[in-house]
C-alpha cells in the first residue's frame, strides 16, 4: 500500500510565488497609470472651474477682465491655478502654469501630470475653449496670449 505525504513540493511553492509576483507587478503598473490620469483630471477640473470665477470678476469690473481688478490677480483664480499646478506635479508660476489677461479676454494653462499624446499642458480661455496644448502651443501662447491655440 502507498503512503502519500501531505503538503506542497518546493517547486509548486516557487511557481505560486512567481505567479503572485507577476500579477502584483501588473496591478501596480495599472495603479500608477490610474493615478496619473486622476491627477490630469484634477488639473482639468481646477482650470475649468476658473470660468465661473472669471465671469464674476468680469461682472464686477463692468465688462472688463482687466480693470480695475485683473482676473489673474483674483485670489480665487490664483488659488485654482496653484491647485492645478500642484495636481500637475509642479508649483504655481514655476514654468508650470500661467494666466494671461486683456480687457476682453483671458487664457490660463497648467502642466499635466502625464502627457496625453502630444499634449503636455491643459488650456482654458474666455471663448470657452478647454483643450490640450503642446509645448509649441504654450510657447506661442507665452505671457500675453489670451486664447488657447
N, C-alpha and C. Protein backbone atom coordinates (compact mmCIF):
# COMPACT_ATOMS: atom_id res chain seq x y z
N UNK A 1 0.83 -1.17 0.00
CA UNK A 1 0.00 0.00 0.00
C UNK A 1 0.88 1.25 0.00
N UNK A 2 0.44 2.28 -0.78
CA UNK A 2 1.22 3.52 -0.89
C UNK A 2 0.84 4.50 0.19
N UNK A 3 1.84 5.19 0.71
CA UNK A 3 1.58 6.26 1.68
C UNK A 3 1.88 7.59 1.00
N UNK A 4 0.88 8.45 0.97
CA UNK A 4 1.06 9.77 0.37
C UNK A 4 1.35 10.78 1.46
N UNK A 5 2.36 11.61 1.22
CA UNK A 5 2.68 12.67 2.17
C UNK A 5 1.84 13.89 1.82
N UNK A 6 1.33 14.55 2.82
CA UNK A 6 0.53 15.76 2.61
C UNK A 6 1.46 16.96 2.57
N UNK A 7 1.12 17.94 1.68
CA UNK A 7 1.90 19.16 1.58
C UNK A 7 2.28 19.45 0.14
N UNK A 8 3.00 20.57 -0.05
CA UNK A 8 3.40 21.01 -1.37
C UNK A 8 4.90 20.83 -1.54
N UNK A 9 5.30 20.59 -2.75
CA UNK A 9 6.73 20.49 -3.03
C UNK A 9 7.31 21.89 -3.16
N UNK A 10 8.61 21.97 -3.10
CA UNK A 10 9.30 23.25 -3.22
C UNK A 10 9.02 23.88 -4.58
N UNK A 11 9.00 23.11 -5.64
CA UNK A 11 8.74 23.63 -6.98
C UNK A 11 7.34 24.23 -7.05
N UNK A 12 6.35 23.58 -6.51
CA UNK A 12 4.98 24.10 -6.53
C UNK A 12 4.90 25.44 -5.79
N UNK A 13 5.56 25.55 -4.66
CA UNK A 13 5.55 26.80 -3.91
C UNK A 13 6.24 27.92 -4.68
N UNK A 14 7.36 27.62 -5.32
CA UNK A 14 8.07 28.63 -6.09
C UNK A 14 7.26 29.11 -7.29
N UNK A 15 6.55 28.21 -7.94
CA UNK A 15 5.71 28.59 -9.08
C UNK A 15 4.59 29.51 -8.62
N UNK A 16 3.95 29.20 -7.52
CA UNK A 16 2.86 30.03 -6.99
C UNK A 16 3.40 31.42 -6.61
N UNK A 17 4.55 31.48 -5.97
CA UNK A 17 5.13 32.76 -5.58
C UNK A 17 5.47 33.59 -6.81
N UNK A 18 6.01 32.96 -7.85
CA UNK A 18 6.33 33.68 -9.09
C UNK A 18 5.07 34.24 -9.75
N UNK A 19 4.01 33.46 -9.78
CA UNK A 19 2.75 33.91 -10.37
C UNK A 19 2.19 35.10 -9.59
N UNK A 20 2.23 35.03 -8.28
CA UNK A 20 1.74 36.13 -7.45
C UNK A 20 2.58 37.38 -7.69
N UNK A 21 3.88 37.24 -7.82
CA UNK A 21 4.75 38.38 -8.09
C UNK A 21 4.45 39.03 -9.43
N UNK A 22 4.22 38.25 -10.46
CA UNK A 22 3.89 38.79 -11.78
C UNK A 22 2.56 39.53 -11.74
N UNK A 23 1.56 38.93 -11.12
CA UNK A 23 0.25 39.58 -11.03
C UNK A 23 0.31 40.89 -10.24
N UNK A 24 1.07 40.92 -9.16
CA UNK A 24 1.15 42.14 -8.36
C UNK A 24 1.88 43.25 -9.13
N UNK A 25 2.89 42.92 -9.93
CA UNK A 25 3.57 43.95 -10.71
C UNK A 25 2.65 44.53 -11.78
N UNK A 26 1.79 43.71 -12.37
CA UNK A 26 0.82 44.20 -13.36
C UNK A 26 -0.17 45.14 -12.69
N UNK A 27 -0.64 44.79 -11.52
CA UNK A 27 -1.61 45.62 -10.80
C UNK A 27 -0.97 46.96 -10.41
N UNK A 28 0.26 46.95 -9.93
CA UNK A 28 0.93 48.19 -9.54
C UNK A 28 1.17 49.10 -10.74
N UNK A 29 1.52 48.53 -11.88
CA UNK A 29 1.71 49.35 -13.08
C UNK A 29 0.39 50.00 -13.49
N UNK A 30 -0.71 49.27 -13.41
CA UNK A 30 -2.02 49.83 -13.75
C UNK A 30 -2.42 50.92 -12.75
N UNK A 31 -2.07 50.73 -11.51
CA UNK A 31 -2.40 51.71 -10.48
C UNK A 31 -1.68 53.03 -10.72
N UNK A 32 -0.42 52.98 -11.12
CA UNK A 32 0.32 54.21 -11.41
C UNK A 32 -0.29 54.96 -12.59
N UNK A 33 -0.75 54.24 -13.60
CA UNK A 33 -1.40 54.87 -14.74
C UNK A 33 -2.70 55.55 -14.29
N UNK A 34 -3.44 54.87 -13.44
CA UNK A 34 -4.70 55.44 -12.94
C UNK A 34 -4.44 56.70 -12.11
N UNK A 35 -3.37 56.70 -11.33
CA UNK A 35 -3.03 57.88 -10.53
C UNK A 35 -2.71 59.07 -11.42
N UNK A 36 -1.95 58.83 -12.48
CA UNK A 36 -1.59 59.91 -13.40
C UNK A 36 -2.82 60.46 -14.10
N UNK A 37 -3.72 59.58 -14.51
CA UNK A 37 -4.96 60.04 -15.16
C UNK A 37 -5.83 60.82 -14.18
N UNK A 38 -5.85 60.40 -12.93
CA UNK A 38 -6.60 61.13 -11.90
C UNK A 38 -6.02 62.51 -11.66
N UNK A 39 -4.69 62.62 -11.65
CA UNK A 39 -4.05 63.93 -11.49
C UNK A 39 -4.36 64.83 -12.68
N UNK A 40 -4.35 64.27 -13.89
CA UNK A 40 -4.70 65.06 -15.08
C UNK A 40 -6.14 65.56 -14.98
N UNK A 41 -7.03 64.71 -14.49
CA UNK A 41 -8.44 65.12 -14.33
C UNK A 41 -8.55 66.26 -13.32
N UNK A 42 -7.73 66.22 -12.26
CA UNK A 42 -7.75 67.30 -11.27
C UNK A 42 -7.27 68.62 -11.88
N UNK A 43 -6.24 68.57 -12.72
CA UNK A 43 -5.75 69.78 -13.40
C UNK A 43 -6.87 70.36 -14.26
N UNK A 44 -7.50 69.51 -15.06
CA UNK A 44 -8.56 69.96 -15.95
C UNK A 44 -9.73 70.55 -15.17
N UNK A 45 -10.09 69.90 -14.08
CA UNK A 45 -11.21 70.38 -13.26
C UNK A 45 -10.91 71.73 -12.65
N UNK A 46 -9.72 71.89 -12.09
CA UNK A 46 -9.34 73.18 -11.49
C UNK A 46 -9.37 74.30 -12.53
N UNK A 47 -8.87 74.03 -13.72
CA UNK A 47 -8.87 75.07 -14.75
C UNK A 47 -10.28 75.35 -15.26
N UNK A 48 -11.08 74.32 -15.43
CA UNK A 48 -12.45 74.54 -15.90
C UNK A 48 -13.28 75.32 -14.89
N UNK A 49 -12.97 75.16 -13.61
CA UNK A 49 -13.69 75.90 -12.58
C UNK A 49 -13.34 77.38 -12.56
N UNK A 50 -12.28 77.77 -13.26
CA UNK A 50 -11.91 79.18 -13.35
C UNK A 50 -12.98 80.00 -14.04
N UNK A 51 -13.67 79.39 -14.98
CA UNK A 51 -14.63 80.14 -15.80
C UNK A 51 -15.67 80.89 -14.97
N UNK A 52 -16.24 80.21 -14.00
CA UNK A 52 -17.26 80.86 -13.17
C UNK A 52 -16.68 82.06 -12.43
N UNK A 53 -15.48 81.88 -11.86
CA UNK A 53 -14.87 82.97 -11.11
C UNK A 53 -14.50 84.13 -12.03
N UNK A 54 -14.02 83.83 -13.23
CA UNK A 54 -13.64 84.92 -14.14
C UNK A 54 -14.86 85.71 -14.59
N UNK A 55 -15.98 85.05 -14.72
CA UNK A 55 -17.20 85.77 -15.11
C UNK A 55 -17.70 86.66 -13.97
N UNK A 56 -17.49 86.24 -12.74
CA UNK A 56 -17.83 87.10 -11.60
C UNK A 56 -16.96 88.35 -11.62
N UNK A 57 -15.65 88.16 -11.86
CA UNK A 57 -14.74 89.31 -11.94
C UNK A 57 -15.14 90.21 -13.10
N UNK A 58 -15.51 89.63 -14.23
CA UNK A 58 -15.93 90.39 -15.41
C UNK A 58 -17.14 91.27 -15.07
N UNK A 59 -18.12 90.67 -14.39
CA UNK A 59 -19.31 91.45 -13.99
C UNK A 59 -18.96 92.53 -12.98
N UNK A 60 -18.11 92.21 -12.01
CA UNK A 60 -17.70 93.20 -11.01
C UNK A 60 -16.91 94.35 -11.62
N UNK A 61 -16.20 94.09 -12.74
CA UNK A 61 -15.38 95.11 -13.41
C UNK A 61 -16.14 95.83 -14.52
N UNK A 62 -17.45 95.72 -14.52
CA UNK A 62 -18.28 96.39 -15.53
C UNK A 62 -17.88 96.01 -16.96
N UNK A 63 -17.75 94.71 -17.20
CA UNK A 63 -17.48 94.23 -18.55
C UNK A 63 -16.02 94.22 -18.97
N UNK A 64 -15.12 94.09 -18.01
CA UNK A 64 -13.69 94.01 -18.33
C UNK A 64 -13.04 92.91 -17.50
N UNK A 65 -12.16 92.15 -18.12
CA UNK A 65 -11.40 91.14 -17.37
C UNK A 65 -10.17 91.74 -16.72
N UNK A 66 -9.84 92.97 -17.09
CA UNK A 66 -8.57 93.56 -16.68
C UNK A 66 -8.68 94.65 -15.63
N UNK A 67 -9.60 95.55 -15.79
CA UNK A 67 -9.60 96.74 -14.96
C UNK A 67 -10.95 96.93 -14.27
N UNK A 68 -11.00 97.32 -13.02
CA UNK A 68 -9.91 97.71 -12.13
C UNK A 68 -9.21 96.52 -11.46
N UNK A 69 -9.84 95.33 -11.45
CA UNK A 69 -9.24 94.16 -10.80
C UNK A 69 -9.01 93.07 -11.84
N UNK A 70 -7.77 92.72 -12.05
CA UNK A 70 -7.42 91.72 -13.06
C UNK A 70 -7.90 90.33 -12.66
N UNK A 71 -8.39 89.59 -13.66
CA UNK A 71 -8.80 88.20 -13.43
C UNK A 71 -7.65 87.40 -12.85
N UNK A 72 -6.46 87.58 -13.39
CA UNK A 72 -5.31 86.77 -12.98
C UNK A 72 -4.81 87.11 -11.57
N UNK A 73 -5.23 88.26 -11.03
CA UNK A 73 -4.84 88.63 -9.67
C UNK A 73 -5.91 88.28 -8.65
N UNK A 74 -7.07 87.81 -9.11
CA UNK A 74 -8.16 87.45 -8.21
C UNK A 74 -7.72 86.29 -7.30
N UNK A 75 -7.94 86.39 -5.99
CA UNK A 75 -7.47 85.34 -5.06
C UNK A 75 -8.01 83.95 -5.38
N UNK A 76 -9.27 83.85 -5.79
CA UNK A 76 -9.83 82.54 -6.12
C UNK A 76 -9.20 81.96 -7.37
N UNK A 77 -8.92 82.80 -8.35
CA UNK A 77 -8.26 82.35 -9.57
C UNK A 77 -6.83 81.92 -9.25
N UNK A 78 -6.13 82.69 -8.45
CA UNK A 78 -4.76 82.35 -8.05
C UNK A 78 -4.75 81.01 -7.32
N UNK A 79 -5.72 80.79 -6.43
CA UNK A 79 -5.80 79.53 -5.68
C UNK A 79 -6.08 78.35 -6.62
N UNK A 80 -6.98 78.54 -7.58
CA UNK A 80 -7.28 77.47 -8.54
C UNK A 80 -6.08 77.16 -9.41
N UNK A 81 -5.34 78.18 -9.81
CA UNK A 81 -4.13 77.97 -10.61
C UNK A 81 -3.07 77.22 -9.79
N UNK A 82 -2.93 77.57 -8.53
CA UNK A 82 -1.98 76.88 -7.66
C UNK A 82 -2.38 75.42 -7.47
N UNK A 83 -3.68 75.17 -7.30
CA UNK A 83 -4.16 73.80 -7.15
C UNK A 83 -3.92 72.99 -8.42
N UNK A 84 -4.12 73.61 -9.57
CA UNK A 84 -3.87 72.93 -10.84
C UNK A 84 -2.40 72.60 -11.00
N UNK A 85 -1.54 73.54 -10.64
CA UNK A 85 -0.09 73.31 -10.74
C UNK A 85 0.34 72.18 -9.81
N UNK A 86 -0.19 72.16 -8.60
CA UNK A 86 0.15 71.11 -7.64
C UNK A 86 -0.33 69.76 -8.14
N UNK A 87 -1.55 69.70 -8.66
CA UNK A 87 -2.08 68.44 -9.19
C UNK A 87 -1.25 67.96 -10.37
N UNK A 88 -0.70 68.90 -11.13
CA UNK A 88 0.13 68.55 -12.28
C UNK A 88 1.55 68.18 -11.89
N UNK A 89 1.87 68.27 -10.64
CA UNK A 89 3.20 67.87 -10.17
C UNK A 89 4.21 68.99 -10.10
N UNK A 90 3.76 70.23 -10.27
CA UNK A 90 4.68 71.37 -10.21
C UNK A 90 4.29 72.33 -9.11
N UNK A 91 4.82 73.53 -9.21
CA UNK A 91 4.45 74.59 -8.28
C UNK A 91 3.98 75.78 -9.10
N UNK A 92 3.08 76.54 -8.55
CA UNK A 92 2.48 77.66 -9.29
C UNK A 92 3.55 78.65 -9.74
N UNK A 93 3.48 78.99 -11.01
CA UNK A 93 4.36 80.01 -11.56
C UNK A 93 5.76 79.55 -11.91
N UNK A 94 6.12 78.35 -11.55
CA UNK A 94 7.47 77.87 -11.84
C UNK A 94 7.51 77.21 -13.22
N UNK A 95 7.12 77.97 -14.24
CA UNK A 95 7.07 77.50 -15.63
C UNK A 95 6.12 76.32 -15.78
N UNK A 96 5.18 76.17 -14.86
CA UNK A 96 4.22 75.08 -14.95
C UNK A 96 2.82 75.57 -15.28
N UNK A 97 2.56 76.83 -15.02
CA UNK A 97 1.25 77.38 -15.38
C UNK A 97 1.34 78.89 -15.53
N UNK A 98 0.31 79.44 -16.17
CA UNK A 98 0.29 80.90 -16.34
C UNK A 98 -1.14 81.33 -16.62
N UNK A 99 -1.41 82.58 -16.34
CA UNK A 99 -2.70 83.20 -16.61
C UNK A 99 -2.42 84.50 -17.33
N UNK A 100 -3.02 84.68 -18.49
CA UNK A 100 -2.85 85.90 -19.28
C UNK A 100 -4.20 86.59 -19.42
N UNK A 101 -4.19 87.91 -19.38
CA UNK A 101 -5.45 88.65 -19.43
C UNK A 101 -5.31 89.93 -20.25
N UNK A 102 -6.39 90.26 -20.94
CA UNK A 102 -6.55 91.55 -21.63
C UNK A 102 -7.94 92.05 -21.23
N UNK A 103 -8.31 93.24 -21.66
CA UNK A 103 -9.60 93.80 -21.26
C UNK A 103 -10.77 92.90 -21.66
N UNK A 104 -10.68 92.27 -22.82
CA UNK A 104 -11.82 91.49 -23.30
C UNK A 104 -11.60 90.00 -23.38
N UNK A 105 -10.48 89.50 -22.88
CA UNK A 105 -10.21 88.07 -22.98
C UNK A 105 -9.19 87.63 -21.94
N UNK A 106 -9.17 86.32 -21.68
CA UNK A 106 -8.19 85.74 -20.77
C UNK A 106 -7.91 84.30 -21.20
N UNK A 107 -6.79 83.78 -20.77
CA UNK A 107 -6.43 82.38 -21.00
C UNK A 107 -5.56 81.92 -19.85
N UNK A 108 -5.70 80.66 -19.49
CA UNK A 108 -4.88 80.08 -18.42
C UNK A 108 -4.51 78.66 -18.82
N UNK A 109 -3.29 78.26 -18.46
CA UNK A 109 -2.85 76.90 -18.73
C UNK A 109 -2.05 76.36 -17.56
N UNK A 110 -1.97 75.04 -17.48
CA UNK A 110 -1.17 74.38 -16.45
C UNK A 110 -0.68 73.05 -16.99
N UNK A 111 0.44 72.58 -16.47
CA UNK A 111 1.00 71.31 -16.93
C UNK A 111 0.14 70.14 -16.48
N UNK A 112 0.16 69.09 -17.27
CA UNK A 112 -0.50 67.83 -16.91
C UNK A 112 0.53 66.93 -16.22
N UNK A 113 0.05 66.06 -15.33
CA UNK A 113 0.97 65.15 -14.63
C UNK A 113 1.65 64.22 -15.63
N UNK A 114 0.87 63.68 -16.56
CA UNK A 114 1.45 62.82 -17.60
C UNK A 114 0.90 63.27 -18.94
N UNK A 115 1.74 63.21 -19.95
CA UNK A 115 1.34 63.66 -21.28
C UNK A 115 0.18 62.83 -21.80
N UNK A 116 -0.72 63.49 -22.49
CA UNK A 116 -1.84 62.81 -23.15
C UNK A 116 -1.59 62.93 -24.65
N UNK A 117 -0.92 61.94 -25.20
CA UNK A 117 -0.49 62.01 -26.58
C UNK A 117 0.63 63.04 -26.67
N UNK A 118 0.43 64.07 -27.49
CA UNK A 118 1.44 65.13 -27.62
C UNK A 118 1.16 66.30 -26.68
N UNK A 119 0.04 66.25 -25.97
CA UNK A 119 -0.33 67.36 -25.09
C UNK A 119 0.36 67.23 -23.74
N UNK A 120 1.05 68.29 -23.34
CA UNK A 120 1.74 68.31 -22.04
C UNK A 120 1.10 69.29 -21.07
N UNK A 121 0.23 70.18 -21.58
CA UNK A 121 -0.46 71.14 -20.72
C UNK A 121 -1.93 71.19 -21.12
N UNK A 122 -2.74 71.79 -20.24
CA UNK A 122 -4.17 71.97 -20.50
C UNK A 122 -4.46 73.46 -20.45
N UNK A 123 -5.26 73.95 -21.38
CA UNK A 123 -5.54 75.37 -21.50
C UNK A 123 -7.04 75.63 -21.50
N UNK A 124 -7.47 76.69 -20.84
CA UNK A 124 -8.85 77.17 -20.90
C UNK A 124 -8.80 78.67 -21.18
N UNK A 125 -9.85 79.17 -21.84
CA UNK A 125 -9.86 80.61 -22.13
C UNK A 125 -11.27 81.16 -22.09
N UNK A 126 -11.39 82.46 -22.31
CA UNK A 126 -12.66 83.15 -22.21
C UNK A 126 -13.61 82.82 -23.36
N UNK A 127 -13.13 82.21 -24.43
CA UNK A 127 -14.01 81.83 -25.54
C UNK A 127 -14.73 80.52 -25.27
N UNK A 128 -14.38 79.85 -24.19
CA UNK A 128 -14.99 78.56 -23.86
C UNK A 128 -14.13 77.38 -24.24
N UNK A 129 -12.97 77.63 -24.84
CA UNK A 129 -12.07 76.54 -25.23
C UNK A 129 -11.50 75.88 -23.98
N UNK A 130 -11.36 74.58 -24.04
CA UNK A 130 -10.76 73.78 -22.98
C UNK A 130 -10.09 72.62 -23.68
N UNK A 131 -8.75 72.71 -23.85
CA UNK A 131 -8.09 71.69 -24.65
C UNK A 131 -6.63 71.52 -24.29
N UNK A 132 -6.08 70.42 -24.75
CA UNK A 132 -4.68 70.13 -24.54
C UNK A 132 -3.80 71.00 -25.40
N UNK A 133 -2.59 71.23 -24.92
CA UNK A 133 -1.63 72.07 -25.62
C UNK A 133 -0.29 71.35 -25.71
N UNK A 134 0.39 71.51 -26.82
CA UNK A 134 1.75 71.01 -26.96
C UNK A 134 2.71 72.07 -26.42
N UNK A 135 3.97 71.69 -26.28
CA UNK A 135 4.97 72.65 -25.80
C UNK A 135 5.06 73.85 -26.74
N UNK A 136 4.94 73.60 -28.04
CA UNK A 136 4.99 74.70 -29.01
C UNK A 136 3.80 75.64 -28.84
N UNK A 137 2.61 75.09 -28.56
CA UNK A 137 1.44 75.94 -28.33
C UNK A 137 1.65 76.84 -27.13
N UNK A 138 2.22 76.29 -26.07
CA UNK A 138 2.43 77.06 -24.85
C UNK A 138 3.45 78.17 -25.11
N UNK A 139 4.48 77.87 -25.88
CA UNK A 139 5.47 78.89 -26.23
C UNK A 139 4.81 80.01 -27.02
N UNK A 140 3.93 79.66 -27.95
CA UNK A 140 3.21 80.66 -28.74
C UNK A 140 2.27 81.47 -27.86
N UNK A 141 1.57 80.79 -26.93
CA UNK A 141 0.68 81.47 -26.00
C UNK A 141 1.47 82.45 -25.15
N UNK A 142 2.65 82.02 -24.72
CA UNK A 142 3.57 82.89 -23.98
C UNK A 142 2.96 83.55 -22.78
N UNK A 143 3.35 84.78 -22.53
CA UNK A 143 2.87 85.52 -21.35
C UNK A 143 1.84 86.57 -21.72
N UNK A 144 1.45 86.63 -23.00
CA UNK A 144 0.47 87.64 -23.40
C UNK A 144 -0.72 87.06 -24.15
N UNK A 145 -0.65 85.81 -24.59
CA UNK A 145 -1.75 85.23 -25.36
C UNK A 145 -3.00 85.07 -24.52
N UNK A 146 -4.15 85.38 -25.11
CA UNK A 146 -5.41 85.29 -24.35
C UNK A 146 -6.40 84.34 -25.01
N UNK A 147 -5.90 83.39 -25.78
CA UNK A 147 -6.76 82.35 -26.38
C UNK A 147 -5.94 81.08 -26.54
N UNK A 148 -6.54 79.95 -26.19
CA UNK A 148 -5.87 78.66 -26.37
C UNK A 148 -5.66 78.42 -27.87
N UNK A 149 -4.55 77.87 -28.21
CA UNK A 149 -4.20 77.66 -29.62
C UNK A 149 -4.58 76.26 -30.05
